[in-house]
């Protein structure tokens, strides 16, 4: 009997050790491509040094993102909290995370008070004013509508009310199309279940019908995100299915059954997810601090970065597993979690190369060309989404014309799908001073943001009539009202990156 007990104990110990070791090394049966460039950088346009990389954090549709809530009707942040205010919640969020300089924010619009009736003028006006406030702050939203604010609440509406609301939202979007284009990075499939996560609900719905109505409610070109593959898969036959990406809200640096595509790498869903991810706009979040299910609540930073690479992650919640006060499953209250810890967990060129993680060379140098230490936190902050570098500049004059060519490279983890506009700008220059009032813009139709997956490159060639002596040449990349700074140490004036 004693021998049997000992053998069982050893077996349990071995199983536990295997589980721990499995969590220590992110091993995927999906092979990540080696990172290589068709056009090797030639240094003709200076790269931005790492000590200036915070200058890129104002670039829209990428990076760390915040989270807030607004309830139509009451104007509260959280539906059942009578003391809360939606605007105050947003301002508190911005203040609490100001050091992280996020310009993306996940916004839950709660329709709880309208779960048995159409939206009225009060609700529609509140929504417009709130979105206008978001725009005034130069923020962009990952937008989600929901009814149930916890699980369960019995706030789930009947399907006819849902479809009525979606038709009203569609008409609202038509009337305010520019406002929506200015403020919405992507719409996350909400509506159904607690927090709009498409989980348990007190009602039964025709999910495909609701999904099609959601997609139809937003302007053409809007990007969407789904929590589960069973949800995303139902949009495959929709005309806009190519715009449907992923929102994964249980990221712990290793496969987990609660991940968007589960934890079975050989499954059809995971392979589909992996193959689609570079061509979708993707968002994620970690579980709240204290709920990671990992030993000592610690997630390996390098494994997490590898997971971000697999997901081609564009945005990541800074609200989860960072510095929130949370009581964990062990009963201990903590206010510092993995993202905070990663400020003191460091990466090197060698580590990034070994794990096929993208970076540009100057990110490891300061303005004097000296090597600097970089953390996992800084890597996430700087490389989520896109990082543009312009290089390989050539200027050739012939037959009274000037041909300008350059290469744009994306060193980020995600693809810049929303940054669809590129212009070449020509302005007068005297004694090194650029005359902005003389600037003329030329649309570059050859630019294709879909080609700029991680380490994706595109060579752009443009011909200008005449000489460019005493001229400044710039590149403007934009999404609507937002202009994008490249990771180059060059003048960035009124949204233009001057390369010559």
Protein backbone atom coordinates (compact mmCIF):
# COMPACT_ATOMS: atom_id res chain seq x y z
CA UNK A 1 0.00 0.00 0.00
CA UNK A 2 2.83 2.40 0.89
CA UNK A 3 4.60 1.62 -2.40
CA UNK A 4 1.41 2.36 -4.33
CA UNK A 5 1.00 5.68 -2.54
CA UNK A 6 4.61 6.61 -3.33
CA UNK A 7 4.19 5.70 -6.99
CA UNK A 8 1.01 7.77 -7.24
CA UNK A 9 2.78 10.69 -5.57
CA UNK A 10 5.69 10.49 -8.00
CA UNK A 11 3.27 10.29 -10.94
CA UNK A 12 1.39 13.38 -9.74
CA UNK A 13 4.69 15.24 -9.27
CA UNK A 14 5.87 14.31 -12.77
CA UNK A 15 2.57 15.41 -14.33
CA UNK A 16 2.77 18.70 -12.43
CA UNK A 17 6.36 19.27 -13.57
CA UNK A 18 5.44 18.56 -17.20
CA UNK A 19 2.59 21.06 -16.96
CA UNK A 20 4.89 23.72 -15.51
CA UNK A 21 7.57 23.10 -18.10
CA UNK A 22 4.99 23.22 -20.88
CA UNK A 23 4.05 26.68 -19.71
CA UNK A 24 7.68 27.79 -19.73
CA UNK A 25 8.31 27.38 -23.44
CA UNK A 26 5.87 28.40 -26.13
CA UNK A 27 6.09 25.54 -28.62
CA UNK A 28 3.88 25.84 -31.68
CA UNK A 29 3.47 23.26 -34.40
CA UNK A 30 2.84 26.25 -36.68
CA UNK A 31 6.22 27.36 -38.02
CA UNK A 32 6.85 31.09 -38.01
CA UNK A 33 8.69 32.32 -41.09
CA UNK A 34 12.23 33.58 -40.63
CA UNK A 35 12.36 37.35 -40.75
CA UNK A 36 14.18 38.52 -43.85
CA UNK A 37 14.06 41.63 -46.01
CA UNK A 38 14.05 41.80 -49.78
CA UNK A 39 15.53 45.31 -49.59
CA UNK A 40 18.33 45.59 -47.05
CA UNK A 41 18.32 49.02 -45.34
CA UNK A 42 21.06 51.25 -46.77
CA UNK A 43 20.86 54.06 -44.20
CA UNK A 44 19.92 56.71 -46.75
CA UNK A 45 17.12 57.87 -44.42
CA UNK A 46 18.08 57.93 -40.74
CA UNK A 47 16.26 55.53 -38.44
CA UNK A 48 14.75 56.84 -35.23
CA UNK A 49 16.84 55.97 -32.19
CA UNK A 50 15.35 53.90 -29.39
CA UNK A 51 15.40 56.72 -26.86
CA UNK A 52 12.98 58.60 -29.14
CA UNK A 53 10.61 55.71 -29.83
CA UNK A 54 7.92 57.28 -27.63
CA UNK A 55 7.45 59.80 -30.45
CA UNK A 56 5.62 57.02 -32.32
CA UNK A 57 3.02 56.40 -29.62
CA UNK A 58 0.59 58.96 -31.04
CA UNK A 59 0.19 56.80 -34.16
CA UNK A 60 -3.40 55.64 -34.34
CA UNK A 61 -4.92 52.12 -34.54
CA UNK A 62 -2.06 50.37 -32.74
CA UNK A 63 -0.37 49.75 -29.40
CA UNK A 64 -1.59 49.58 -25.83
CA UNK A 65 -5.26 50.39 -25.40
CA UNK A 66 -7.47 51.46 -22.53
CA UNK A 67 -11.01 50.34 -21.61
CA UNK A 68 -14.08 52.28 -20.53
CA UNK A 69 -17.88 52.11 -20.44
CA UNK A 70 -20.85 54.36 -21.19
CA UNK A 71 -24.53 53.56 -20.55
CA UNK A 72 -27.05 55.17 -22.89
CA UNK A 73 -29.98 56.75 -21.08
CA UNK A 74 -28.46 57.28 -17.64
CA UNK A 75 -25.06 58.47 -18.86
CA UNK A 76 -23.43 56.26 -16.23
CA UNK A 77 -20.25 54.37 -16.86
CA UNK A 78 -21.44 51.05 -15.45
CA UNK A 79 -25.18 50.31 -15.69
CA UNK A 80 -25.86 49.32 -12.08
CA UNK A 81 -23.48 51.84 -10.45
CA UNK A 82 -25.55 54.94 -9.66
CA UNK A 83 -22.48 56.90 -8.58
CA UNK A 84 -20.60 56.49 -11.84
CA UNK A 85 -20.40 58.91 -14.77
CA UNK A 86 -19.30 57.87 -18.26
CA UNK A 87 -17.19 60.95 -18.94
CA UNK A 88 -15.54 60.87 -15.52
CA UNK A 89 -14.68 57.20 -16.02
CA UNK A 90 -12.96 57.99 -19.32
CA UNK A 91 -11.01 60.88 -17.83
CA UNK A 92 -9.95 58.76 -14.84
CA UNK A 93 -8.78 56.05 -17.22
CA UNK A 94 -6.66 58.54 -19.18
CA UNK A 95 -5.14 59.94 -16.00
CA UNK A 96 -4.38 56.56 -14.42
CA UNK A 97 -2.59 55.30 -17.55
CA UNK A 98 -1.12 58.59 -18.79
CA UNK A 99 2.47 57.31 -18.61
CA UNK A 100 1.59 54.62 -21.17
CA UNK A 101 0.37 57.24 -23.70
CA UNK A 102 -2.30 55.03 -25.25
CA UNK A 103 -4.45 56.55 -28.00
CA UNK A 104 -6.69 53.49 -28.46
CA UNK A 105 -9.60 52.73 -26.15
CA UNK A 106 -12.03 49.85 -26.00
CA UNK A 107 -15.47 51.40 -25.42
CA UNK A 108 -18.47 49.42 -24.21
CA UNK A 109 -21.73 51.20 -25.02
CA UNK A 110 -24.36 49.62 -22.78
CA UNK A 111 -27.92 49.48 -24.12
CA UNK A 112 -29.24 47.95 -20.91
CA UNK A 113 -31.91 50.62 -20.34
CA UNK A 114 -33.31 50.02 -23.82
CA UNK A 115 -33.55 46.23 -23.72
CA UNK A 116 -37.32 46.39 -24.22
CA UNK A 117 -37.74 49.46 -26.42
CA UNK A 118 -36.14 51.31 -29.35
CA UNK A 119 -33.40 53.86 -28.78
CA UNK A 120 -34.79 57.37 -28.32
CA UNK A 121 -33.39 60.78 -29.21
CA UNK A 122 -31.74 61.04 -25.79
CA UNK A 123 -29.72 57.86 -26.41
CA UNK A 124 -28.73 58.79 -29.96
CA UNK A 125 -27.70 62.31 -28.95
CA UNK A 126 -25.70 60.95 -26.02
CA UNK A 127 -23.87 58.57 -28.32
CA UNK A 128 -23.04 61.33 -30.80
CA UNK A 129 -21.75 63.67 -28.11
CA UNK A 130 -19.67 60.92 -26.52
CA UNK A 131 -18.06 59.98 -29.84
CA UNK A 132 -17.35 63.65 -30.52
CA UNK A 133 -15.64 63.85 -27.13
CA UNK A 134 -13.53 60.79 -28.03
CA UNK A 135 -12.51 62.54 -31.26
CA UNK A 136 -11.64 65.76 -29.44
CA UNK A 137 -9.13 63.75 -27.39
CA UNK A 138 -7.51 62.30 -30.55
CA UNK A 139 -8.49 58.81 -29.46
CA UNK A 140 -9.89 55.99 -31.56
CA UNK A 141 -12.21 53.24 -30.36
CA UNK A 142 -12.55 49.51 -30.40
CA UNK A 143 -16.32 49.85 -30.12
CA UNK A 144 -18.72 47.31 -28.66
CA UNK A 145 -22.43 47.39 -27.83
CA UNK A 146 -23.77 45.20 -25.02
CA UNK A 147 -26.83 44.73 -22.80
CA UNK A 148 -25.71 42.31 -20.08
CA UNK A 149 -23.09 43.93 -17.85
CA UNK A 150 -22.38 40.81 -15.86
CA UNK A 151 -23.45 37.18 -15.91
CA UNK A 152 -26.36 36.68 -15.63
CA UNK A 153 -28.38 39.91 -15.43
CA UNK A 154 -31.59 39.04 -17.28
CA UNK A 155 -30.97 42.13 -19.39
CA UNK A 156 -30.85 40.22 -22.66
CA UNK A 157 -33.35 41.67 -25.16
CA UNK A 158 -35.55 39.78 -27.59
CA UNK A 159 -34.14 39.41 -31.10
CA UNK A 160 -36.60 41.89 -32.62
CA UNK A 161 -35.34 44.60 -30.25
CA UNK A 162 -31.72 43.79 -31.15
CA UNK A 163 -32.46 44.11 -34.86
CA UNK A 164 -34.38 47.34 -34.27
CA UNK A 165 -31.42 48.79 -32.39
CA UNK A 166 -28.98 47.71 -35.11
CA UNK A 167 -31.12 49.38 -37.76
CA UNK A 168 -31.15 52.56 -35.64
CA UNK A 169 -27.38 52.34 -35.23
CA UNK A 170 -27.06 51.91 -38.99
CA UNK A 171 -29.06 55.07 -39.61
CA UNK A 172 -27.01 56.87 -36.93
CA UNK A 173 -23.82 55.79 -38.69
CA UNK A 174 -25.11 56.98 -42.06
CA UNK A 175 -25.95 60.41 -40.59
CA UNK A 176 -22.59 60.57 -38.81
CA UNK A 177 -20.39 58.65 -41.24
CA UNK A 178 -17.34 60.91 -40.90
CA UNK A 179 -17.57 60.80 -37.11
CA UNK A 180 -17.61 56.98 -37.22
CA UNK A 181 -14.67 56.87 -39.64
CA UNK A 182 -12.74 59.28 -37.42
CA UNK A 183 -13.34 57.45 -34.17
CA UNK A 184 -13.71 53.71 -34.85
CA UNK A 185 -10.62 51.57 -35.38
CA UNK A 186 -12.74 48.41 -35.35
CA UNK A 187 -16.13 47.23 -34.13
CA UNK A 188 -16.04 44.23 -31.82
CA UNK A 189 -18.98 41.88 -32.28
CA UNK A 190 -20.98 42.61 -29.13
CA UNK A 191 -24.72 42.57 -28.38
CA UNK A 192 -25.04 38.93 -27.27
CA UNK A 193 -24.22 37.65 -23.79
CA UNK A 194 -22.46 39.12 -20.77
CA UNK A 195 -20.23 42.03 -21.79
CA UNK A 196 -21.21 41.30 -25.39
CA UNK A 197 -18.84 38.33 -25.50
CA UNK A 198 -21.25 35.91 -27.21
CA UNK A 199 -21.35 33.63 -24.20
CA UNK A 200 -24.28 32.68 -21.97
CA UNK A 201 -27.48 34.68 -22.42
CA UNK A 202 -31.07 34.38 -21.25
CA UNK A 203 -32.34 34.58 -24.85
CA UNK A 204 -31.92 32.55 -28.02
CA UNK A 205 -30.78 34.31 -31.19
CA UNK A 206 -30.23 33.69 -34.87
CA UNK A 207 -26.55 34.53 -34.56
CA UNK A 208 -25.80 34.70 -38.26
CA UNK A 209 -28.67 37.13 -38.82
CA UNK A 210 -27.42 39.40 -36.04
CA UNK A 211 -23.83 39.24 -37.31
CA UNK A 212 -24.90 40.22 -40.81
CA UNK A 213 -26.98 43.08 -39.36
CA UNK A 214 -23.96 44.29 -37.34
CA UNK A 215 -21.69 44.31 -40.39
CA UNK A 216 -24.39 46.01 -42.45
CA UNK A 217 -24.76 48.74 -39.82
CA UNK A 218 -21.25 50.12 -40.36
CA UNK A 219 -19.69 51.96 -43.32
CA UNK A 220 -17.88 49.95 -45.99
CA UNK A 221 -14.28 49.37 -45.02
CA UNK A 222 -15.01 49.09 -41.29
CA UNK A 223 -12.95 46.41 -39.54
CA UNK A 224 -14.57 43.95 -37.13
CA UNK A 225 -13.34 41.60 -34.43
CA UNK A 226 -14.87 38.40 -33.05
CA UNK A 227 -14.17 36.72 -29.72
CA UNK A 228 -14.61 33.10 -30.84
CA UNK A 229 -13.99 31.23 -34.07
CA UNK A 230 -17.54 29.84 -33.94
CA UNK A 231 -18.70 33.47 -34.20
CA UNK A 232 -16.20 34.60 -36.83
CA UNK A 233 -16.85 31.51 -38.97
CA UNK A 234 -20.50 32.51 -39.34
CA UNK A 235 -19.42 35.60 -41.31
CA UNK A 236 -17.53 33.63 -43.97
CA UNK A 237 -20.21 34.15 -46.61
CA UNK A 238 -20.69 37.82 -45.82
CA UNK A 239 -19.39 40.13 -48.56
CA UNK A 240 -17.20 41.89 -45.96
CA UNK A 241 -15.78 38.76 -44.30
CA UNK A 242 -12.22 39.82 -45.17
CA UNK A 243 -12.63 42.67 -42.67
CA UNK A 244 -13.40 40.34 -39.74
CA UNK A 245 -10.47 39.85 -37.38
CA UNK A 246 -10.04 38.52 -33.86
CA UNK A 247 -10.34 39.63 -30.25
CA UNK A 248 -8.63 37.21 -27.84
CA UNK A 249 -9.28 37.99 -24.18
CA UNK A 250 -7.31 35.24 -22.41
CA UNK A 251 -3.69 35.70 -23.44
CA UNK A 252 -1.15 34.11 -21.11
CA UNK A 253 1.82 33.40 -23.37
CA UNK A 254 0.81 29.86 -24.20
CA UNK A 255 -2.12 28.04 -25.83
CA UNK A 256 -5.26 27.93 -23.69
CA UNK A 257 -8.72 26.48 -24.33
CA UNK A 258 -10.25 29.95 -23.86
CA UNK A 259 -8.18 31.46 -26.69
CA UNK A 260 -10.09 32.61 -29.76
CA UNK A 261 -9.07 29.52 -31.72
CA UNK A 262 -8.61 27.27 -28.68
CA UNK A 263 -5.38 25.42 -27.92
CA UNK A 264 -5.35 22.72 -30.60
CA UNK A 265 -2.77 23.82 -33.16
CA UNK A 266 -3.69 21.06 -35.58
CA UNK A 267 -7.36 22.01 -35.61
CA UNK A 268 -8.98 23.51 -38.68
CA UNK A 269 -9.98 26.58 -36.70
CA UNK A 270 -6.47 27.30 -35.46
CA UNK A 271 -4.91 26.95 -38.89
CA UNK A 272 -7.56 29.24 -40.33
CA UNK A 273 -6.96 31.76 -37.54
CA UNK A 274 -3.19 31.67 -38.02
CA UNK A 275 -3.37 32.05 -41.81
CA UNK A 276 -5.89 34.90 -41.63
CA UNK A 277 -4.31 36.84 -38.76
CA UNK A 278 -1.74 38.80 -40.84
CA UNK A 279 -4.57 40.15 -43.00
CA UNK A 280 -6.93 41.08 -40.18
CA UNK A 281 -7.01 43.74 -37.47
CA UNK A 282 -6.55 41.91 -34.16
CA UNK A 283 -6.90 42.86 -30.51
CA UNK A 284 -6.24 41.07 -27.25
CA UNK A 285 -6.20 41.24 -23.50
CA UNK A 286 -4.80 39.22 -20.65
CA UNK A 287 -6.96 37.92 -17.80
CA UNK A 288 -7.20 40.18 -14.78
CA UNK A 289 -4.21 39.99 -12.49
CA UNK A 290 -4.60 37.02 -10.18
CA UNK A 291 -6.50 34.92 -12.71
CA UNK A 292 -3.81 33.75 -15.13
CA UNK A 293 -3.85 30.15 -13.80
CA UNK A 294 -0.02 30.22 -13.93
CA UNK A 295 2.38 29.26 -11.09
CA UNK A 296 2.95 32.37 -8.91
CA UNK A 297 0.84 34.28 -11.43
CA UNK A 298 3.95 34.81 -13.57
CA UNK A 299 3.81 34.80 -17.37
CA UNK A 300 7.09 34.51 -19.24
CA UNK A 301 7.61 37.72 -21.20
CA UNK A 302 9.36 36.18 -24.20
CA UNK A 303 6.69 33.50 -24.56
CA UNK A 304 4.09 36.26 -24.47
CA UNK A 305 5.87 38.18 -27.23
CA UNK A 306 5.92 35.04 -29.35
CA UNK A 307 2.19 34.70 -28.87
CA UNK A 308 1.74 38.31 -29.96
CA UNK A 309 3.73 37.48 -33.09
CA UNK A 310 1.52 34.49 -33.88
CA UNK A 311 -1.58 36.62 -33.38
CA UNK A 312 -0.20 39.50 -35.50
CA UNK A 313 -1.45 41.64 -32.65
CA UNK A 314 -2.41 45.24 -33.31
CA UNK A 315 -3.70 46.39 -29.92
CA UNK A 316 -3.47 45.01 -26.38
CA UNK A 317 -5.29 46.02 -23.19
CA UNK A 318 -3.18 47.92 -20.67
CA UNK A 319 -6.02 47.66 -18.15
CA UNK A 320 -5.58 43.93 -17.60
CA UNK A 321 -2.72 42.35 -15.66
CA UNK A 322 -0.84 45.61 -15.19
CA UNK A 323 -1.49 47.77 -12.13
CA UNK A 324 -5.10 47.11 -11.19
CA UNK A 325 -6.08 46.22 -7.62
CA UNK A 326 -7.34 42.64 -7.83
CA UNK A 327 -7.79 39.77 -5.42
CA UNK A 328 -6.52 36.63 -7.11
CA UNK A 329 -7.80 33.09 -6.91
CA UNK A 330 -5.35 32.59 -4.03
CA UNK A 331 -7.08 35.33 -2.02
CA UNK A 332 -4.10 37.71 -2.21
CA UNK A 333 -4.75 41.32 -3.28
CA UNK A 334 -2.11 42.67 -5.66
CA UNK A 335 -1.75 45.97 -7.52
CA UNK A 336 1.23 45.07 -9.68
CA UNK A 337 1.06 42.30 -12.25
CA UNK A 338 2.83 40.88 -15.30
CA UNK A 339 2.91 43.93 -17.59
CA UNK A 340 4.41 45.97 -14.74
CA UNK A 341 6.92 43.20 -14.04
CA UNK A 342 7.93 43.17 -17.70
CA UNK A 343 9.39 46.65 -17.28
CA UNK A 344 12.30 44.82 -15.64
CA UNK A 345 12.42 41.81 -17.95
CA UNK A 346 14.71 42.61 -20.85
CA UNK A 347 15.15 41.70 -24.49
CA UNK A 348 18.25 41.76 -26.70
CA UNK A 349 18.81 41.57 -30.43
CA UNK A 350 19.85 37.95 -29.99
CA UNK A 351 16.67 37.04 -28.10
CA UNK A 352 14.49 38.70 -30.72
CA UNK A 353 16.33 37.03 -33.60
CA UNK A 354 16.19 33.62 -31.96
CA UNK A 355 12.44 33.92 -31.45
CA UNK A 356 11.74 35.50 -34.86
CA UNK A 357 10.46 38.72 -33.35
CA UNK A 358 10.69 41.86 -35.51
CA UNK A 359 12.70 44.97 -34.68
CA UNK A 360 14.63 47.72 -36.43
CA UNK A 361 18.31 48.11 -35.65
CA UNK A 362 18.33 51.60 -34.13
CA UNK A 363 15.73 50.65 -31.52
CA UNK A 364 18.62 49.34 -29.41
CA UNK A 365 20.60 52.60 -29.64
CA UNK A 366 20.29 56.10 -28.21
CA UNK A 367 20.77 59.36 -30.07
CA UNK A 368 24.55 59.11 -29.62
CA UNK A 369 24.69 55.66 -31.16
CA UNK A 370 25.30 53.95 -27.80
CA UNK A 371 23.59 50.68 -26.90
CA UNK A 372 20.61 50.89 -24.57
CA UNK A 373 18.68 48.27 -22.61
CA UNK A 374 15.12 47.50 -23.75
CA UNK A 375 12.35 45.76 -21.81
CA UNK A 376 9.52 43.41 -22.72
CA UNK A 377 7.12 46.21 -21.73
CA UNK A 378 8.81 48.63 -24.15
CA UNK A 379 8.76 46.05 -26.91
CA UNK A 380 5.01 45.56 -26.53
CA UNK A 381 4.41 49.30 -26.33
CA UNK A 382 6.46 50.02 -29.45
CA UNK A 383 5.85 47.00 -31.71
CA UNK A 384 2.16 46.17 -31.29
CA UNK A 385 0.56 46.96 -34.63
CA UNK A 386 2.73 48.63 -37.24
CA UNK A 387 6.14 50.35 -37.17
CA UNK A 388 7.03 52.05 -40.45
CA UNK A 389 10.62 52.74 -41.51
CA UNK A 390 11.47 54.59 -44.72
CA UNK A 391 14.84 53.84 -46.35
CA UNK A 392 16.65 53.13 -49.64
CA UNK A 393 16.06 56.63 -50.97
CA UNK A 394 17.15 57.29 -54.56
CA UNK A 395 16.77 60.53 -56.52
CA UNK A 396 17.57 60.47 -60.23
CA UNK A 397 17.27 63.30 -62.75
CA UNK A 398 16.80 62.70 -66.44
CA UNK A 399 15.07 64.32 -69.40
CA UNK A 400 13.78 67.23 -67.36
CA UNK A 401 12.16 64.97 -64.76
CA UNK A 402 13.08 63.69 -61.33
CA UNK A 403 12.42 60.10 -60.29
CA UNK A 404 12.18 59.49 -56.56
CA UNK A 405 12.11 56.01 -55.07
CA UNK A 406 12.17 54.69 -51.52
CA UNK A 407 11.26 51.55 -49.60
CA UNK A 408 8.71 51.40 -46.80
CA UNK A 409 9.12 48.51 -44.32
CA UNK A 410 6.80 47.42 -41.51
CA UNK A 411 8.72 46.18 -38.47
CA UNK A 412 5.58 45.81 -36.35
CA UNK A 413 3.70 42.74 -35.17
CA UNK A 414 0.51 43.69 -37.02
CA UNK A 415 -0.46 44.88 -40.48
CA UNK A 416 -1.39 48.59 -41.01
CA UNK A 417 -4.72 47.79 -42.65
CA UNK A 418 -6.37 51.08 -41.67
CA UNK A 419 -3.47 53.24 -42.90
CA UNK A 420 -4.63 53.23 -46.50
CA UNK A 421 -3.47 56.62 -47.72
CA UNK A 422 0.02 57.64 -48.86
CA UNK A 423 0.91 60.96 -50.46
CA UNK A 424 4.13 62.46 -51.75
CA UNK A 425 4.49 66.08 -50.67
CA UNK A 426 6.64 68.68 -52.45
CA UNK A 427 7.38 72.00 -50.74
CA UNK A 428 9.77 74.88 -51.32
CA UNK A 429 12.88 74.98 -49.16
CA UNK A 430 15.29 77.84 -48.58
CA UNK A 431 18.35 77.74 -46.30
CA UNK A 432 17.10 74.43 -44.91
CA UNK A 433 13.71 75.86 -43.91
CA UNK A 434 10.61 74.20 -45.37
CA UNK A 435 7.84 76.50 -46.56
CA UNK A 436 4.73 74.56 -45.59
CA UNK A 437 2.43 77.04 -47.31
CA UNK A 438 3.88 75.99 -50.68
CA UNK A 439 3.34 72.25 -50.13
CA UNK A 440 1.62 70.25 -52.87
CA UNK A 441 0.44 66.67 -52.40
CA UNK A 442 0.34 63.82 -54.89
CA UNK A 443 -1.63 60.66 -54.15
CA UNK A 444 0.45 57.48 -54.47
CA UNK A 445 -1.88 54.83 -55.86
CA UNK A 446 0.81 52.12 -55.86
CA UNK A 447 0.92 52.01 -52.05
CA UNK A 448 -0.79 48.90 -50.67
CA UNK A 449 -1.10 48.58 -46.90
CA UNK A 450 -2.05 44.90 -47.19
CA UNK A 451 1.44 44.07 -48.43
CA UNK A 452 3.02 45.39 -45.23
CA UNK A 453 2.67 42.38 -42.97
CA UNK A 454 5.52 41.89 -40.49
CA UNK A 455 8.78 42.65 -42.36
CA UNK A 456 6.70 43.34 -45.44
CA UNK A 457 8.18 45.91 -47.79
CA UNK A 458 7.09 47.96 -50.74
CA UNK A 459 9.26 49.95 -53.11
CA UNK A 460 7.56 53.16 -54.17
CA UNK A 461 8.64 55.07 -57.29
CA UNK A 462 7.28 58.49 -58.22
CA UNK A 463 8.20 60.84 -61.06
CA UNK A 464 8.01 64.62 -60.77
CA UNK A 465 8.17 66.98 -63.73
CA UNK A 466 11.15 69.31 -63.45
CA UNK A 467 14.01 69.66 -61.00
CA UNK A 468 13.65 69.41 -57.23
CA UNK A 469 16.48 71.81 -56.41
CA UNK A 470 15.40 73.94 -53.44
CA UNK A 471 12.54 71.52 -52.80
CA UNK A 472 11.70 69.38 -49.80
CA UNK A 473 10.18 65.96 -50.41
CA UNK A 474 7.95 64.33 -47.82
CA UNK A 475 5.78 61.28 -47.33
CA UNK A 476 2.37 61.54 -45.69
CA UNK A 477 0.73 58.38 -44.34
CA UNK A 478 -2.73 58.78 -42.89
CA UNK A 479 -6.08 57.42 -41.80
CA UNK A 480 -8.61 60.23 -42.09
CA UNK A 481 -7.68 63.00 -39.64
CA UNK A 482 -4.76 61.04 -38.19
CA UNK A 483 -1.25 61.35 -39.62
CA UNK A 484 1.43 58.72 -39.03
CA UNK A 485 5.02 59.31 -37.97
CA UNK A 486 7.56 56.86 -39.32
CA UNK A 487 10.44 55.47 -37.25
CA UNK A 488 12.85 57.85 -38.96
CA UNK A 489 14.90 60.65 -37.44
CA UNK A 490 13.72 63.26 -39.93
CA UNK A 491 11.50 66.36 -39.76
CA UNK A 492 7.86 65.50 -39.07
CA UNK A 493 5.89 68.65 -39.83
CA UNK A 494 2.11 68.90 -40.07
CA UNK A 495 1.84 65.15 -40.53
CA UNK A 496 4.53 64.90 -43.22
CA UNK A 497 7.74 62.84 -42.91
CA UNK A 498 10.32 64.81 -44.90
CA UNK A 499 12.82 62.40 -46.46
CA UNK A 500 14.73 64.87 -48.69
